[in-house]
Protein backbone atom coordinates (compact mmCIF):
# COMPACT_ATOMS: atom_id res chain seq x y z
CA MET A 1 10.15 6.70 -11.92
CA GLU A 2 8.89 8.33 -8.75
CA LEU A 3 8.19 5.95 -5.86
CA LEU A 4 4.46 6.71 -5.65
CA ASP A 5 4.07 6.07 -9.39
CA LEU A 6 6.06 2.84 -9.10
CA VAL A 7 3.83 1.64 -6.23
CA ILE A 8 0.59 2.48 -8.05
CA GLN A 9 1.78 0.86 -11.27
CA THR A 10 3.05 -2.30 -9.55
CA VAL A 11 -0.09 -2.78 -7.47
CA SER A 12 -2.29 -2.11 -10.50
CA ASP A 13 -0.30 -4.46 -12.76
CA LYS A 14 -0.59 -7.20 -10.13
CA LEU A 15 -4.39 -6.73 -10.00
CA GLY A 16 -4.76 -4.91 -6.71
CA GLU A 17 -8.30 -3.53 -6.48
CA ASN A 18 -9.78 -0.20 -5.32
CA ILE A 19 -6.37 1.50 -5.15
CA VAL A 20 -6.19 4.87 -3.39
CA SER A 21 -3.39 7.16 -2.29
CA ILE A 22 -3.70 9.56 0.63
CA ASP A 23 -1.44 12.60 0.78
CA MET A 24 -0.05 12.51 4.34
CA ARG A 25 2.51 15.31 3.99
CA SER A 26 0.49 17.85 6.00
CA VAL A 27 -0.10 15.53 8.98
CA ASN A 28 2.76 13.04 9.15
CA PRO A 29 6.47 13.93 9.27
CA PHE A 30 7.55 10.34 8.62
CA THR A 31 5.88 9.53 5.31
CA ASP A 32 4.42 11.34 2.30
CA TYR A 33 1.70 8.95 1.16
CA PHE A 34 -0.39 6.01 2.24
CA VAL A 35 -1.45 3.70 -0.58
CA ILE A 36 -4.31 1.34 0.18
CA THR A 37 -5.39 -1.57 -1.99
CA THR A 38 -7.56 -4.66 -1.74
CA ALA A 39 -6.28 -8.13 -2.58
CA LYS A 40 -8.57 -10.86 -3.88
CA ASN A 41 -7.55 -13.20 -1.05
CA ILE A 42 -4.74 -13.88 1.44
CA ARG A 43 -2.46 -15.49 -1.15
CA HIS A 44 -2.93 -12.54 -3.47
CA ALA A 45 -2.07 -10.15 -0.59
CA ASP A 46 1.21 -12.02 0.00
CA ALA A 47 2.02 -11.94 -3.72
CA LEU A 48 1.27 -8.20 -3.94
CA ALA A 49 3.56 -7.46 -1.00
CA ASN A 50 6.37 -9.65 -2.36
CA ASP A 51 6.13 -8.18 -5.86
CA LEU A 52 6.04 -4.65 -4.49
CA ILE A 53 9.16 -5.23 -2.39
CA ARG A 54 10.96 -6.80 -5.35
CA GLU A 55 10.07 -3.88 -7.69
CA ALA A 56 11.04 -1.24 -5.12
CA GLU A 57 14.44 -2.82 -4.50
CA LYS A 58 15.02 -3.36 -8.24
CA ASN A 59 14.44 0.37 -8.79
CA GLY A 60 16.74 1.45 -5.96
CA TYR A 61 14.13 2.25 -3.29
CA PRO A 62 14.93 0.84 0.16
CA VAL A 63 12.29 -1.16 2.01
CA ARG A 64 12.12 -0.21 5.68
CA THR A 65 9.91 -3.09 6.78
CA ARG A 66 7.07 -5.45 6.00
CA GLU A 67 4.50 -6.00 8.72
CA GLY A 68 2.03 -8.85 8.60
CA ALA A 69 3.14 -12.43 8.38
CA GLU A 70 2.36 -14.66 5.47
CA GLY A 71 -1.35 -15.38 5.61
CA SER A 72 -2.31 -12.03 7.15
CA GLU A 73 -5.39 -10.14 6.03
CA TRP A 74 -3.54 -6.81 6.41
CA ILE A 75 0.03 -6.40 5.19
CA LEU A 76 1.94 -3.15 5.53
CA VAL A 77 4.97 -2.43 3.34
CA ASP A 78 6.97 0.59 4.54
CA LEU A 79 8.94 2.18 1.71
CA ASN A 80 9.81 5.29 3.73
CA GLU A 81 8.04 8.03 1.69
CA VAL A 82 5.19 5.67 0.78
CA ILE A 83 3.52 3.20 3.14
CA VAL A 84 1.41 0.58 1.41
CA HIS A 85 -1.53 -1.13 3.13
CA ILE A 86 -2.69 -4.33 1.45
CA PHE A 87 -5.99 -5.66 2.77
CA THR A 88 -8.32 -8.49 2.02
CA ASP A 89 -11.82 -7.17 1.37
CA THR A 90 -13.02 -8.27 4.81
CA ALA A 91 -10.16 -6.52 6.63
CA ARG A 92 -10.51 -3.34 4.58
CA GLN A 93 -14.20 -3.12 5.45
CA LEU A 94 -13.42 -3.78 9.11
CA TYR A 95 -10.63 -1.22 9.58
CA LYS A 96 -11.91 1.47 7.16
CA LEU A 97 -8.51 3.16 7.09
CA GLU A 98 -9.59 5.72 4.47
CA ASN A 99 -12.24 7.03 6.87
CA LEU A 100 -9.57 8.00 9.41
CA TRP A 101 -8.01 10.34 6.86
CA GLY A 102 -11.15 11.41 4.98
CA ASP A 103 -10.33 15.10 5.29
CA LEU A 104 -7.04 14.69 3.36
CA ASN A 105 -6.50 14.57 -0.40
CA ILE A 106 -7.42 11.05 -1.56
CA GLU A 107 -6.73 9.96 -5.15
CA HIS A 108 -8.51 6.94 -6.64
CA TYR A 109 -6.85 4.83 -9.34
């Protein structure tokens, strides 16, 4: 399974909400996609990040880093080609990350 598909499936299966992927290949030499999702609350964000890391490693994809301590409203999981941003609803509305890249190809799931 391709990494982007694995990320989308894992986040979806674990009830991440409003999932989007942004194709970053034309503007960023370090990653291919950003995936952004909303967690129901801080505990759900932690669980999403932990499950995502576990699934990536189980399928042979290395995890570069996780940013955002337990209890954060924004957690970043860097899987090299795919960087996943997990927000609480409040943080997602505050940072509006999709708006920064609105001119790129954005897929909604």
